PDB file of N, CA and C in Angstrom:
ATOM      1  N   MET A   1      74.000  93.336  95.206  1.00  0.00           N
ATOM      2  CA  MET A   1      74.037  94.550  94.391  1.00  0.00           C
ATOM      3  C   MET A   1      75.342  95.289  94.677  1.00  0.00           C
ATOM      4  N   PRO A   2      76.043  95.737  93.636  1.00  0.00           N
ATOM      5  CA  PRO A   2      77.323  96.416  93.835  1.00  0.00           C
ATOM      6  C   PRO A   2      77.137  97.760  94.550  1.00  0.00           C
ATOM      7  N   SER A   3      78.133  98.131  95.317  1.00  0.00           N
ATOM      8  CA  SER A   3      78.099  99.419  96.000  1.00  0.00           C
ATOM      9  C   SER A   3      78.364 100.545  95.010  1.00  0.00           C
ATOM     10  N   SER A   4      77.696 101.664  95.256  1.00  0.00           N
ATOM     11  CA  SER A   4      77.933 102.844  94.430  1.00  0.00           C
ATOM     12  C   SER A   4      79.032 103.674  95.086  1.00  0.00           C
ATOM     13  N   VAL A   5      79.947 104.159  94.265  1.00  0.00           N
ATOM     14  CA  VAL A   5      81.078 104.944  94.748  1.00  0.00           C
ATOM     15  C   VAL A   5      81.110 106.278  94.020  1.00  0.00           C
ATOM     16  N   LEU A   6      81.191 107.343  94.782  1.00  0.00           N
ATOM     17  CA  LEU A   6      81.392 108.675  94.229  1.00  0.00           C
ATOM     18  C   LEU A   6      82.864 109.011  94.362  1.00  0.00           C
ATOM     19  N   VAL A   7      83.525 109.249  93.235  1.00  0.00           N
ATOM     20  CA  VAL A   7      84.933 109.634  93.219  1.00  0.00           C
ATOM     21  C   VAL A   7      84.993 111.145  93.029  1.00  0.00           C
ATOM     22  N   VAL A   8      85.576 111.839  94.008  1.00  0.00           N
ATOM     23  CA  VAL A   8      85.688 113.302  93.943  1.00  0.00           C
ATOM     24  C   VAL A   8      87.171 113.636  93.860  1.00  0.00           C
ATOM     25  N   GLU A   9      87.587 114.059  92.675  1.00  0.00           N
ATOM     26  CA  GLU A   9      89.009 114.286  92.386  1.00  0.00           C
ATOM     27  C   GLU A   9      89.096 115.336  91.291  1.00  0.00           C
ATOM     28  N   ASP A  10      89.914 116.377  91.512  1.00  0.00           N
ATOM     29  CA  ASP A  10      90.008 117.448  90.524  1.00  0.00           C
ATOM     30  C   ASP A  10      90.858 117.080  89.311  1.00  0.00           C
ATOM     31  N   GLU A  11      91.696 116.082  89.404  1.00  0.00           N
ATOM     32  CA  GLU A  11      92.532 115.680  88.272  1.00  0.00           C
ATOM     33  C   GLU A  11      91.834 114.595  87.458  1.00  0.00           C
ATOM     34  N   ALA A  12      91.519 114.934  86.196  1.00  0.00           N
ATOM     35  CA  ALA A  12      90.757 114.031  85.327  1.00  0.00           C
ATOM     36  C   ALA A  12      91.441 112.679  85.142  1.00  0.00           C
ATOM     37  N   ALA A  13      92.755 112.660  85.016  1.00  0.00           N
ATOM     38  CA  ALA A  13      93.468 111.395  84.800  1.00  0.00           C
ATOM     39  C   ALA A  13      93.329 110.466  86.007  1.00  0.00           C
ATOM     40  N   ILE A  14      93.371 111.031  87.197  1.00  0.00           N
ATOM     41  CA  ILE A  14      93.227 110.212  88.405  1.00  0.00           C
ATOM     42  C   ILE A  14      91.790 109.714  88.525  1.00  0.00           C
ATOM     43  N   ARG A  15      90.806 110.582  88.209  1.00  0.00           N
ATOM     44  CA  ARG A  15      89.407 110.138  88.221  1.00  0.00           C
ATOM     45  C   ARG A  15      89.207 108.969  87.267  1.00  0.00           C
ATOM     46  N   ALA A  16      89.778 109.076  86.071  1.00  0.00           N
ATOM     47  CA  ALA A  16      89.627 108.007  85.075  1.00  0.00           C
ATOM     48  C   ALA A  16      90.277 106.708  85.545  1.00  0.00           C
ATOM     49  N   LEU A  17      91.454 106.819  86.144  1.00  0.00           N
ATOM     50  CA  LEU A  17      92.141 105.643  86.668  1.00  0.00           C
ATOM     51  C   LEU A  17      91.296 104.961  87.749  1.00  0.00           C
ATOM     52  N   LEU A  18      90.785 105.755  88.691  1.00  0.00           N
ATOM     53  CA  LEU A  18      89.953 105.191  89.747  1.00  0.00           C
ATOM     54  C   LEU A  18      88.685 104.565  89.184  1.00  0.00           C
ATOM     55  N   ARG A  19      88.051 105.225  88.216  1.00  0.00           N
ATOM     56  CA  ARG A  19      86.838 104.674  87.594  1.00  0.00           C
ATOM     57  C   ARG A  19      87.121 103.296  87.008  1.00  0.00           C
ATOM     58  N   ARG A  20      88.169 103.187  86.214  1.00  0.00           N
ATOM     59  CA  ARG A  20      88.497 101.891  85.578  1.00  0.00           C
ATOM     60  C   ARG A  20      88.746 100.812  86.632  1.00  0.00           C
ATOM     61  N   ARG A  21      89.530 101.157  87.631  1.00  0.00           N
ATOM     62  CA  ARG A  21      89.866 100.182  88.672  1.00  0.00           C
ATOM     63  C   ARG A  21      88.617  99.759  89.452  1.00  0.00           C
ATOM     64  N   LEU A  22      87.824 100.718  89.877  1.00  0.00           N
ATOM     65  CA  LEU A  22      86.641 100.408  90.679  1.00  0.00           C
ATOM     66  C   LEU A  22      85.598  99.637  89.875  1.00  0.00           C
ATOM     67  N   GLU A  23      85.395 100.018  88.625  1.00  0.00           N
ATOM     68  CA  GLU A  23      84.446  99.282  87.793  1.00  0.00           C
ATOM     69  C   GLU A  23      84.916  97.854  87.558  1.00  0.00           C
ATOM     70  N   ALA A  24      86.224  97.659  87.401  1.00  0.00           N
ATOM     71  CA  ALA A  24      86.765  96.304  87.233  1.00  0.00           C
ATOM     72  C   ALA A  24      86.507  95.462  88.481  1.00  0.00           C
ATOM     73  N   TRP A  25      86.421  96.107  89.642  1.00  0.00           N
ATOM     74  CA  TRP A  25      86.145  95.408  90.900  1.00  0.00           C
ATOM     75  C   TRP A  25      84.649  95.259  91.173  1.00  0.00           C
ATOM     76  N   GLY A  26      83.812  95.760  90.259  1.00  0.00           N
ATOM     77  CA  GLY A  26      82.369  95.581  90.389  1.00  0.00           C
ATOM     78  C   GLY A  26      81.596  96.725  91.014  1.00  0.00           C
ATOM     79  N   TYR A  27      82.228  97.858  91.230  1.00  0.00           N
ATOM     80  CA  TYR A  27      81.539  99.003  91.815  1.00  0.00           C
ATOM     81  C   TYR A  27      80.867  99.837  90.731  1.00  0.00           C
ATOM     82  N   GLN A  28      79.766 100.481  91.088  1.00  0.00           N
ATOM     83  CA  GLN A  28      79.118 101.464  90.228  1.00  0.00           C
ATOM     84  C   GLN A  28      79.748 102.809  90.570  1.00  0.00           C
ATOM     85  N   VAL A  29      80.289 103.511  89.580  1.00  0.00           N
ATOM     86  CA  VAL A  29      81.089 104.706  89.844  1.00  0.00           C
ATOM     87  C   VAL A  29      80.460 105.945  89.223  1.00  0.00           C
ATOM     88  N   ARG A  30      80.450 107.010  90.010  1.00  0.00           N
ATOM     89  CA  ARG A  30      80.121 108.346  89.517  1.00  0.00           C
ATOM     90  C   ARG A  30      81.288 109.245  89.855  1.00  0.00           C
ATOM     91  N   GLU A  31      81.468 110.304  89.083  1.00  0.00           N
ATOM     92  CA  GLU A  31      82.634 111.173  89.264  1.00  0.00           C
ATOM     93  C   GLU A  31      82.226 112.627  89.429  1.00  0.00           C
ATOM     94  N   ALA A  32      83.011 113.332  90.238  1.00  0.00           N
ATOM     95  CA  ALA A  32      82.863 114.776  90.389  1.00  0.00           C
ATOM     96  C   ALA A  32      84.255 115.389  90.427  1.00  0.00           C
ATOM     97  N   ALA A  33      84.391 116.574  89.838  1.00  0.00           N
ATOM     98  CA  ALA A  33      85.685 117.248  89.788  1.00  0.00           C
ATOM     99  C   ALA A  33      85.900 118.194  90.964  1.00  0.00           C
ATOM    100  N   ASN A  34      84.830 118.472  91.732  1.00  0.00           N
ATOM    101  CA  ASN A  34      84.962 119.381  92.866  1.00  0.00           C
ATOM    102  C   ASN A  34      83.830 119.133  93.865  1.00  0.00           C
ATOM    103  N   ALA A  35      83.872 119.853  94.974  1.00  0.00           N
ATOM    104  CA  ALA A  35      82.894 119.656  96.052  1.00  0.00           C
ATOM    105  C   ALA A  35      81.480 120.006  95.609  1.00  0.00           C
ATOM    106  N   SER A  36      81.320 121.066  94.831  1.00  0.00           N
ATOM    107  CA  SER A  36      79.977 121.469  94.384  1.00  0.00           C
ATOM    108  C   SER A  36      79.338 120.398  93.520  1.00  0.00           C
ATOM    109  N   GLU A  37      80.097 119.861  92.563  1.00  0.00           N
ATOM    110  CA  GLU A  37      79.584 118.782  91.715  1.00  0.00           C
ATOM    111  C   GLU A  37      79.230 117.561  92.555  1.00  0.00           C
ATOM    112  N   ALA A  38      80.061 117.260  93.525  1.00  0.00           N
ATOM    113  CA  ALA A  38      79.825 116.096  94.385  1.00  0.00           C
ATOM    114  C   ALA A  38      78.519 116.242  95.156  1.00  0.00           C
ATOM    115  N   LEU A  39      78.276 117.414  95.716  1.00  0.00           N
ATOM    116  CA  LEU A  39      77.030 117.620  96.465  1.00  0.00           C
ATOM    117  C   LEU A  39      75.812 117.506  95.553  1.00  0.00           C
ATOM    118  N   GLU A  40      75.914 118.022  94.323  1.00  0.00           N
ATOM    119  CA  GLU A  40      74.803 117.897  93.370  1.00  0.00           C
ATOM    120  C   GLU A  40      74.508 116.425  93.078  1.00  0.00           C
ATOM    121  N   LEU A  41      75.559 115.633  92.861  1.00  0.00           N
ATOM    122  CA  LEU A  41      75.369 114.204  92.605  1.00  0.00           C
ATOM    123  C   LEU A  41      74.770 113.495  93.811  1.00  0.00           C
ATOM    124  N   MET A  42      75.223 113.845  95.000  1.00  0.00           N
ATOM    125  CA  MET A  42      74.698 113.224  96.220  1.00  0.00           C
ATOM    126  C   MET A  42      73.234 113.602  96.434  1.00  0.00           C
ATOM    127  N   LEU A  43      72.862 114.839  96.129  1.00  0.00           N
ATOM    128  CA  LEU A  43      71.465 115.250  96.262  1.00  0.00           C
ATOM    129  C   LEU A  43      70.573 114.470  95.298  1.00  0.00           C
ATOM    130  N   ALA A  44      71.067 114.235  94.093  1.00  0.00           N
ATOM    131  CA  ALA A  44      70.297 113.486  93.096  1.00  0.00           C
ATOM    132  C   ALA A  44      70.164 112.025  93.482  1.00  0.00           C
ATOM    133  N   GLU A  45      71.249 111.439  93.962  1.00  0.00           N
ATOM    134  CA  GLU A  45      71.253 110.030  94.370  1.00  0.00           C
ATOM    135  C   GLU A  45      72.472 109.777  95.245  1.00  0.00           C
ATOM    136  N   PRO A  46      72.267 109.610  96.548  1.00  0.00           N
ATOM    137  CA  PRO A  46      73.401 109.388  97.450  1.00  0.00           C
ATOM    138  C   PRO A  46      74.169 108.110  97.107  1.00  0.00           C
ATOM    139  N   SER A  47      75.472 108.163  97.262  1.00  0.00           N
ATOM    140  CA  SER A  47      76.334 107.003  97.050  1.00  0.00           C
ATOM    141  C   SER A  47      76.597 106.320  98.384  1.00  0.00           C
ATOM    142  N   ALA A  48      76.869 105.022  98.331  1.00  0.00           N
ATOM    143  CA  ALA A  48      77.186 104.274  99.549  1.00  0.00           C
ATOM    144  C   ALA A  48      78.568 104.647 100.066  1.00  0.00           C
ATOM    145  N   ILE A  49      79.472 104.970  99.125  1.00  0.00           N
ATOM    146  CA  ILE A  49      80.866 105.274  99.460  1.00  0.00           C
ATOM    147  C   ILE A  49      81.288 106.521  98.699  1.00  0.00           C
ATOM    148  N   ALA A  50      82.093 107.365  99.341  1.00  0.00           N
ATOM    149  CA  ALA A  50      82.682 108.525  98.665  1.00  0.00           C
ATOM    150  C   ALA A  50      84.190 108.487  98.887  1.00  0.00           C
ATOM    151  N   ILE A  51      84.934 108.535  97.787  1.00  0.00           N
ATOM    152  CA  ILE A  51      86.390 108.684  97.857  1.00  0.00           C
ATOM    153  C   ILE A  51      86.671 110.136  97.504  1.00  0.00           C
ATOM    154  N   ILE A  52      87.221 110.873  98.452  1.00  0.00           N
ATOM    155  CA  ILE A  52      87.344 112.321  98.309  1.00  0.00           C
ATOM    156  C   ILE A  52      88.793 112.765  98.411  1.00  0.00           C
ATOM    157  N   ASP A  53      89.259 113.455  97.373  1.00  0.00           N
ATOM    158  CA  ASP A  53      90.582 114.076  97.411  1.00  0.00           C
ATOM    159  C   ASP A  53      90.528 115.239  98.399  1.00  0.00           C
ATOM    160  N   ILE A  54      91.534 115.377  99.215  1.00  0.00           N
ATOM    161  CA  ILE A  54      91.535 116.458 100.200  1.00  0.00           C
ATOM    162  C   ILE A  54      91.826 117.808  99.553  1.00  0.00           C
ATOM    163  N   LYS A  55      92.840 117.874  98.705  1.00  0.00           N
ATOM    164  CA  LYS A  55      93.239 119.155  98.114  1.00  0.00           C
ATOM    165  C   LYS A  55      92.601 119.325  96.743  1.00  0.00           C
ATOM    166  N   MET A  56      91.613 120.258  96.689  1.00  0.00           N
ATOM    167  CA  MET A  56      90.922 120.585  95.450  1.00  0.00           C
ATOM    168  C   MET A  56      90.706 122.092  95.416  1.00  0.00           C
ATOM    169  N   PRO A  57      90.569 122.661  94.225  1.00  0.00           N
ATOM    170  CA  PRO A  57      90.234 124.085  94.141  1.00  0.00           C
ATOM    171  C   PRO A  57      88.862 124.342  94.767  1.00  0.00           C
ATOM    172  N   GLY A  58      88.671 125.520  95.314  1.00  0.00           N
ATOM    173  CA  GLY A  58      87.399 125.836  95.961  1.00  0.00           C
ATOM    174  C   GLY A  58      87.342 125.162  97.318  1.00  0.00           C
ATOM    175  N   ARG A  59      86.217 124.572  97.633  1.00  0.00           N
ATOM    176  CA  ARG A  59      86.053 123.869  98.907  1.00  0.00           C
ATOM    177  C   ARG A  59      86.910 122.613  98.906  1.00  0.00           C
ATOM    178  N   ASP A  60      87.614 122.377  99.999  1.00  0.00           N
ATOM    179  CA  ASP A  60      88.492 121.199 100.040  1.00  0.00           C
ATOM    180  C   ASP A  60      87.725 119.936 100.428  1.00  0.00           C
ATOM    181  N   GLY A  61      88.411 118.816 100.356  1.00  0.00           N
ATOM    182  CA  GLY A  61      87.793 117.535 100.615  1.00  0.00           C
ATOM    183  C   GLY A  61      87.345 117.327 102.051  1.00  0.00           C
ATOM    184  N   LEU A  62      88.021 117.956 103.004  1.00  0.00           N
ATOM    185  CA  LEU A  62      87.597 117.822 104.397  1.00  0.00           C
ATOM    186  C   LEU A  62      86.274 118.543 104.624  1.00  0.00           C
ATOM    187  N   TRP A  63      86.105 119.692 104.003  1.00  0.00           N
ATOM    188  CA  TRP A  63      84.814 120.393 104.062  1.00  0.00           C
ATOM    189  C   TRP A  63      83.728 119.516 103.460  1.00  0.00           C
ATOM    190  N   LEU A  64      84.013 118.938 102.305  1.00  0.00           N
ATOM    191  CA  LEU A  64      83.035 118.077 101.637  1.00  0.00           C
ATOM    192  C   LEU A  64      82.702 116.854 102.488  1.00  0.00           C
ATOM    193  N   ALA A  65      83.715 116.241 103.071  1.00  0.00           N
ATOM    194  CA  ALA A  65      83.478 115.068 103.921  1.00  0.00           C
ATOM    195  C   ALA A  65      82.535 115.423 105.064  1.00  0.00           C
ATOM    196  N   GLU A  66      82.733 116.583 105.643  1.00  0.00           N
ATOM    197  CA  GLU A  66      81.873 117.019 106.746  1.00  0.00           C
ATOM    198  C   GLU A  66      80.434 117.227 106.272  1.00  0.00           C
ATOM    199  N   GLN A  67      80.264 117.820 105.085  1.00  0.00           N
ATOM    200  CA  GLN A  67      78.921 118.029 104.533  1.00  0.00           C
ATOM    201  C   GLN A  67      78.222 116.699 104.269  1.00  0.00           C
ATOM    202  N   ILE A  68      78.947 115.766 103.700  1.00  0.00           N
ATOM    203  CA  ILE A  68      78.365 114.446 103.415  1.00  0.00           C
ATOM    204  C   ILE A  68      78.001 113.749 104.715  1.00  0.00           C
ATOM    205  N   ARG A  69      78.886 113.788 105.687  1.00  0.00           N
ATOM    206  CA  ARG A  69      78.623 113.128 106.968  1.00  0.00           C
ATOM    207  C   ARG A  69      77.362 113.696 107.619  1.00  0.00           C
ATOM    208  N   GLN A  70      77.174 115.019 107.555  1.00  0.00           N
ATOM    209  CA  GLN A  70      76.015 115.652 108.179  1.00  0.00           C
ATOM    210  C   GLN A  70      74.714 115.284 107.464  1.00  0.00           C
ATOM    211  N   ARG A  71      74.757 115.190 106.139  1.00  0.00           N
ATOM    212  CA  ARG A  71      73.528 114.973 105.361  1.00  0.00           C
ATOM    213  C   ARG A  71      73.238 113.504 105.064  1.00  0.00           C
ATOM    214  N   TRP A  72      74.295 112.727 104.870  1.00  0.00           N
ATOM    215  CA  TRP A  72      74.129 111.319 104.487  1.00  0.00           C
ATOM    216  C   TRP A  72      75.009 110.478 105.408  1.00  0.00           C
ATOM    217  N   SER A  73      74.529 110.255 106.599  1.00  0.00           N
ATOM    218  CA  SER A  73      75.349 109.622 107.640  1.00  0.00           C
ATOM    219  C   SER A  73      75.740 108.185 107.308  1.00  0.00           C
ATOM    220  N   ARG A  74      75.018 107.528 106.421  1.00  0.00           N
ATOM    221  CA  ARG A  74      75.344 106.140 106.072  1.00  0.00           C
ATOM    222  C   ARG A  74      76.410 106.047 104.978  1.00  0.00           C
ATOM    223  N   THR A  75      76.738 107.141 104.329  1.00  0.00           N
ATOM    224  CA  THR A  75      77.774 107.118 103.299  1.00  0.00           C
ATOM    225  C   THR A  75      79.140 106.977 103.967  1.00  0.00           C
ATOM    226  N   ALA A  76      79.881 105.959 103.565  1.00  0.00           N
ATOM    227  CA  ALA A  76      81.236 105.734 104.096  1.00  0.00           C
ATOM    228  C   ALA A  76      82.208 106.608 103.315  1.00  0.00           C
ATOM    229  N   ILE A  77      83.029 107.360 104.030  1.00  0.00           N
ATOM    230  CA  ILE A  77      83.939 108.306 103.401  1.00  0.00           C
ATOM    231  C   ILE A  77      85.379 107.822 103.524  1.00  0.00           C
ATOM    232  N   ILE A  78      86.059 107.816 102.379  1.00  0.00           N
ATOM    233  CA  ILE A  78      87.496 107.535 102.310  1.00  0.00           C
ATOM    234  C   ILE A  78      88.138 108.800 101.759  1.00  0.00           C
ATOM    235  N   VAL A  79      89.126 109.330 102.450  1.00  0.00           N
ATOM    236  CA  VAL A  79      89.828 110.497 101.927  1.00  0.00           C
ATOM    237  C   VAL A  79      91.102 110.050 101.218  1.00  0.00           C
ATOM    238  N   ALA A  80      91.437 110.775 100.178  1.00  0.00           N
ATOM    239  CA  ALA A  80      92.650 110.500  99.407  1.00  0.00           C
ATOM    240  C   ALA A  80      93.573 111.695  99.565  1.00  0.00           C
ATOM    241  N   THR A  81      94.818 111.409  99.861  1.00  0.00           N
ATOM    242  CA  THR A  81      95.769 112.493 100.092  1.00  0.00           C
ATOM    243  C   THR A  81      97.164 112.105  99.627  1.00  0.00           C
ATOM    244  N   GLY A  82      97.919 113.095  99.232  1.00  0.00           N
ATOM    245  CA  GLY A  82      99.316 112.876  98.903  1.00  0.00           C
ATOM    246  C   GLY A  82     100.209 113.127 100.101  1.00  0.00           C
ATOM    247  N   ALA A  83      99.619 113.644 101.185  1.00  0.00           N
ATOM    248  CA  ALA A  83     100.385 113.980 102.387  1.00  0.00           C
ATOM    249  C   ALA A  83     100.178 112.912 103.452  1.00  0.00           C
ATOM    250  N   ASP A  84     101.256 112.237 103.805  1.00  0.00           N
ATOM    251  CA  ASP A  84     101.187 111.207 104.840  1.00  0.00           C
ATOM    252  C   ASP A  84     101.587 111.829 106.176  1.00  0.00           C
ATOM    253  N   ASP A  85     100.689 112.691 106.695  1.00  0.00           N
ATOM    254  CA  ASP A  85     101.000 113.309 107.980  1.00  0.00           C
ATOM    255  C   ASP A  85      99.850 113.083 108.953  1.00  0.00           C
ATOM    256  N   ILE A  86     100.196 112.949 110.201  1.00  0.00           N
ATOM    257  CA  ILE A  86      99.239 112.621 111.255  1.00  0.00           C
ATOM    258  C   ILE A  86      98.143 113.677 111.367  1.00  0.00           C
ATOM    259  N   ALA A  87      98.478 114.941 111.240  1.00  0.00           N
ATOM    260  CA  ALA A  87      97.477 116.000 111.389  1.00  0.00           C
ATOM    261  C   ALA A  87      96.376 115.876 110.341  1.00  0.00           C
ATOM    262  N   THR A  88      96.745 115.591 109.107  1.00  0.00           N
ATOM    263  CA  THR A  88      95.756 115.437 108.037  1.00  0.00           C
ATOM    264  C   THR A  88      94.877 114.227 108.301  1.00  0.00           C
ATOM    265  N   ILE A  89      95.471 113.151 108.723  1.00  0.00           N
ATOM    266  CA  ILE A  89      94.718 111.932 109.017  1.00  0.00           C
ATOM    267  C   ILE A  89      93.750 112.169 110.179  1.00  0.00           C
ATOM    268  N   GLU A  90      94.224 112.837 111.227  1.00  0.00           N
ATOM    269  CA  GLU A  90      93.361 113.132 112.377  1.00  0.00           C
ATOM    270  C   GLU A  90      92.209 114.039 111.975  1.00  0.00           C
ATOM    271  N   ARG A  91      92.486 115.048 111.165  1.00  0.00           N
ATOM    272  CA  ARG A  91      91.418 115.945 110.707  1.00  0.00           C
ATOM    273  C   ARG A  91      90.392 115.198 109.879  1.00  0.00           C
ATOM    274  N   SER A  92      90.856 114.256 109.048  1.00  0.00           N
ATOM    275  CA  SER A  92      89.913 113.506 108.218  1.00  0.00           C
ATOM    276  C   SER A  92      89.016 112.630 109.087  1.00  0.00           C
ATOM    277  N   ARG A  93      89.555 112.048 110.127  1.00  0.00           N
ATOM    278  CA  ARG A  93      88.733 111.232 111.034  1.00  0.00           C
ATOM    279  C   ARG A  93      87.735 112.097 111.805  1.00  0.00           C
ATOM    280  N   LYS A  94      88.141 113.311 112.198  1.00  0.00           N
ATOM    281  CA  LYS A  94      87.245 114.205 112.934  1.00  0.00           C
ATOM    282  C   LYS A  94      86.023 114.594 112.111  1.00  0.00           C
ATOM    283  N   VAL A  95      86.183 114.675 110.796  1.00  0.00           N
ATOM    284  CA  VAL A  95      85.039 115.050 109.948  1.00  0.00           C
ATOM    285  C   VAL A  95      84.263 113.835 109.460  1.00  0.00           C
ATOM    286  N   GLY A  96      84.630 112.646 109.932  1.00  0.00           N
ATOM    287  CA  GLY A  96      83.820 111.479 109.650  1.00  0.00           C
ATOM    288  C   GLY A  96      84.367 110.470 108.666  1.00  0.00           C
ATOM    289  N   ALA A  97      85.591 110.653 108.185  1.00  0.00           N
ATOM    290  CA  ALA A  97      86.156 109.666 107.265  1.00  0.00           C
ATOM    291  C   ALA A  97      86.453 108.371 108.013  1.00  0.00           C
ATOM    292  N   ILE A  98      86.136 107.239 107.396  1.00  0.00           N
ATOM    293  CA  ILE A  98      86.417 105.961 108.044  1.00  0.00           C
ATOM    294  C   ILE A  98      87.798 105.434 107.679  1.00  0.00           C
ATOM    295  N   ASP A  99      88.374 105.993 106.606  1.00  0.00           N
ATOM    296  CA  ASP A  99      89.680 105.509 106.161  1.00  0.00           C
ATOM    297  C   ASP A  99      90.326 106.573 105.284  1.00  0.00           C
ATOM    298  N   TYR A 100      91.585 106.364 104.971  1.00  0.00           N
ATOM    299  CA  TYR A 100      92.281 107.243 104.038  1.00  0.00           C
ATOM    300  C   TYR A 100      93.210 106.391 103.187  1.00  0.00           C
ATOM    301  N   VAL A 101      93.483 106.892 101.986  1.00  0.00           N
ATOM    302  CA  VAL A 101      94.429 106.224 101.092  1.00  0.00           C
ATOM    303  C   VAL A 101      95.412 107.275 100.598  1.00  0.00           C
ATOM    304  N   LEU A 102      96.646 106.847 100.449  1.00  0.00           N
ATOM    305  CA  LEU A 102      97.695 107.750  99.968  1.00  0.00           C
ATOM    306  C   LEU A 102      97.833 107.676  98.461  1.00  0.00           C
ATOM    307  N   LYS A 103      98.134 108.819  97.884  1.00  0.00           N
ATOM    308  CA  LYS A 103      98.464 108.873  96.451  1.00  0.00           C
ATOM    309  C   LYS A 103      99.973 108.764  96.324  1.00  0.00           C
ATOM    310  N   PRO A 104     100.480 108.102  95.325  1.00  0.00           N
ATOM    311  CA  PRO A 104      99.741 107.314  94.338  1.00  0.00           C
ATOM    312  C   PRO A 104      99.112 106.094  94.994  1.00  0.00           C
ATOM    313  N   PHE A 105      97.970 105.674  94.449  1.00  0.00           N
ATOM    314  CA  PHE A 105      97.184 104.613  95.056  1.00  0.00           C
ATOM    315  C   PHE A 105      97.855 103.250  94.945  1.00  0.00           C
ATOM    316  N   ASP A 106      97.972 102.588  96.077  1.00  0.00           N
ATOM    317  CA  ASP A 106      98.401 101.198  96.103  1.00  0.00           C
ATOM    318  C   ASP A 106      97.138 100.362  95.891  1.00  0.00           C
ATOM    319  N   ARG A 107      97.138  99.517  94.887  1.00  0.00           N
ATOM    320  CA  ARG A 107      95.952  98.749  94.506  1.00  0.00           C
ATOM    321  C   ARG A 107      95.366  97.977  95.697  1.00  0.00           C
ATOM    322  N   GLU A 108      96.195  97.260  96.441  1.00  0.00           N
ATOM    323  CA  GLU A 108      95.696  96.423  97.529  1.00  0.00           C
ATOM    324  C   GLU A 108      95.185  97.264  98.696  1.00  0.00           C
ATOM    325  N   LEU A 109      95.870  98.350  99.031  1.00  0.00           N
ATOM    326  CA  LEU A 109      95.405  99.210 100.119  1.00  0.00           C
ATOM    327  C   LEU A 109      94.084  99.886  99.765  1.00  0.00           C
ATOM    328  N   LEU A 110      93.930 100.261  98.500  1.00  0.00           N
ATOM    329  CA  LEU A 110      92.668 100.837  98.048  1.00  0.00           C
ATOM    330  C   LEU A 110      91.553  99.804  98.154  1.00  0.00           C
ATOM    331  N   ARG A 111      91.815  98.587  97.721  1.00  0.00           N
ATOM    332  CA  ARG A 111      90.809  97.526  97.798  1.00  0.00           C
ATOM    333  C   ARG A 111      90.398  97.285  99.265  1.00  0.00           C
ATOM    334  N   GLN A 112      91.367  97.250 100.164  1.00  0.00           N
ATOM    335  CA  GLN A 112      91.059  97.040 101.583  1.00  0.00           C
ATOM    336  C   GLN A 112      90.211  98.184 102.151  1.00  0.00           C
ATOM    337  N   ALA A 113      90.555  99.407 101.785  1.00  0.00           N
ATOM    338  CA  ALA A 113      89.781 100.562 102.253  1.00  0.00           C
ATOM    339  C   ALA A 113      88.340 100.472 101.747  1.00  0.00           C
ATOM    340  N   LEU A 114      88.168 100.057 100.508  1.00  0.00           N
ATOM    341  CA  LEU A 114      86.820  99.909  99.955  1.00  0.00           C
ATOM    342  C   LEU A 114      86.045  98.799 100.660  1.00  0.00           C
ATOM    343  N   GLU A 115      86.711  97.703 100.966  1.00  0.00           N
ATOM    344  CA  GLU A 115      86.030  96.622 101.684  1.00  0.00           C
ATOM    345  C   GLU A 115      85.561  97.097 103.051  1.00  0.00           C
ATOM    346  N   ARG A 116      86.398  97.868 103.751  1.00  0.00           N
ATOM    347  CA  ARG A 116      85.996  98.428 105.049  1.00  0.00           C
ATOM    348  C   ARG A 116      84.817  99.406 104.863  1.00  0.00           C
ATOM    349  N   ALA A 117      84.857 100.180 103.789  1.00  0.00           N
ATOM    350  CA  ALA A 117      83.787 101.145 103.527  1.00  0.00           C
ATOM    351  C   ALA A 117      82.473 100.433 103.228  1.00  0.00           C
ATOM    352  N   VAL A 118      82.522  99.358 102.464  1.00  0.00           N
ATOM    353  CA  VAL A 118      81.299  98.595 102.166  1.00  0.00           C
ATOM    354  C   VAL A 118      80.699  98.079 103.466  1.00  0.00           C
ATOM    355  N   LYS A 119      81.542  97.531 104.305  1.00  0.00           N
ATOM    356  CA  LYS A 119      81.080  97.002 105.595  1.00  0.00           C
ATOM    357  C   LYS A 119      80.463  98.120 106.432  1.00  0.00           C
ATOM    358  N   ALA A 120      81.129  99.267 106.498  1.00  0.00           N
ATOM    359  CA  ALA A 120      80.626 100.397 107.291  1.00  0.00           C
ATOM    360  C   ALA A 120      79.302 100.932 106.747  1.00  0.00           C
ATOM    361  N   SER A 121      79.158 100.987 105.426  1.00  0.00           N
ATOM    362  CA  SER A 121      77.931 101.535 104.841  1.00  0.00           C
ATOM    363  C   SER A 121      76.759 100.583 105.015  1.00  0.00           C
ATOM    364  N   ASN A 122      77.022  99.315 105.289  1.00  0.00           N
ATOM    365  CA  ASN A 122      75.951  98.331 105.487  1.00  0.00           C
ATOM    366  C   ASN A 122      75.583  98.149 106.950  1.00  0.00           C
ATOM    367  N   GLU A 123      76.307  98.801 107.857  1.00  0.00           N
ATOM    368  CA  GLU A 123      76.032  98.639 109.298  1.00  0.00           C
ATOM    369  C   GLU A 123      74.874  99.506 109.730  1.00  0.00           C
TER     370      GLU A 123
END
């Protein structure tokens, strides 16, 4: 059975790009434009994997990652960021992210992060 992925990204074009790519790879995809929408979707039906943009209006992605980790410990979290800095990466790991991907997304690095997330969500 394909893994379900929640894509949390405030930019509609990036959400659409990720949806197309992930669906082509066999994932079931749901989308949220912000942290509040993401939590509502998770409450209705938790996803195995969450790809979360760090910088969003309102609550940021690190806050959301922490909420998901506390409530749905089996959900594997991948953070997406445009900032390639150690502090951001360390903060994402502290809140429970298993991996991170840089924007713009490299197709192969994204695929590898998802494979690690699938493995983590099945452990």
